[in-house]
Amino acid sequence: MHEASLAAGVLQLVEDAARRDGFTRVLTLRLAAGRLAAVDVEALRFSLASLAPGTLLDGADFDIEEPPGQAWCLGCEQTVAVERRGDACPACGSHRLHPTAGTELRVIDLIVANG
């Protein structure tokens, strides 16, 4: 379950931001986990909740958006919507797709507090 290591990386980013910006608590953490990012969103949410006690994330709400996947099809030379890696192009059936969106895992923003 690589979501546990992803959650640890997110926590590290939050801790680095807290040192830099001087906040002591996160109220809401908003993430984007694209549909082609190979991230199980519920497993990530569970991992974040498991890491949270005693950290800046203790008591935080985790809002995880799932941007849709998009790819450039080398077969028909179109940008197409893709639900999962390995899917065929919905326009021509080709499997020669280059993902162009929905592959990210990133922190969108934090709502933080002091004290």
Foldseek 3Di string as FASTA:
>chain_A
DCLLVVLVVVLVVVVVVCVVVVFQAFAEWEKEQELAQPDDVVVNVVSNQVPQPPGNDPNHHYHYHYHWKWWQAPVVRDIATDRYQQFAGPVPRHNRTGIDDRNDIGTPDTDTHHD
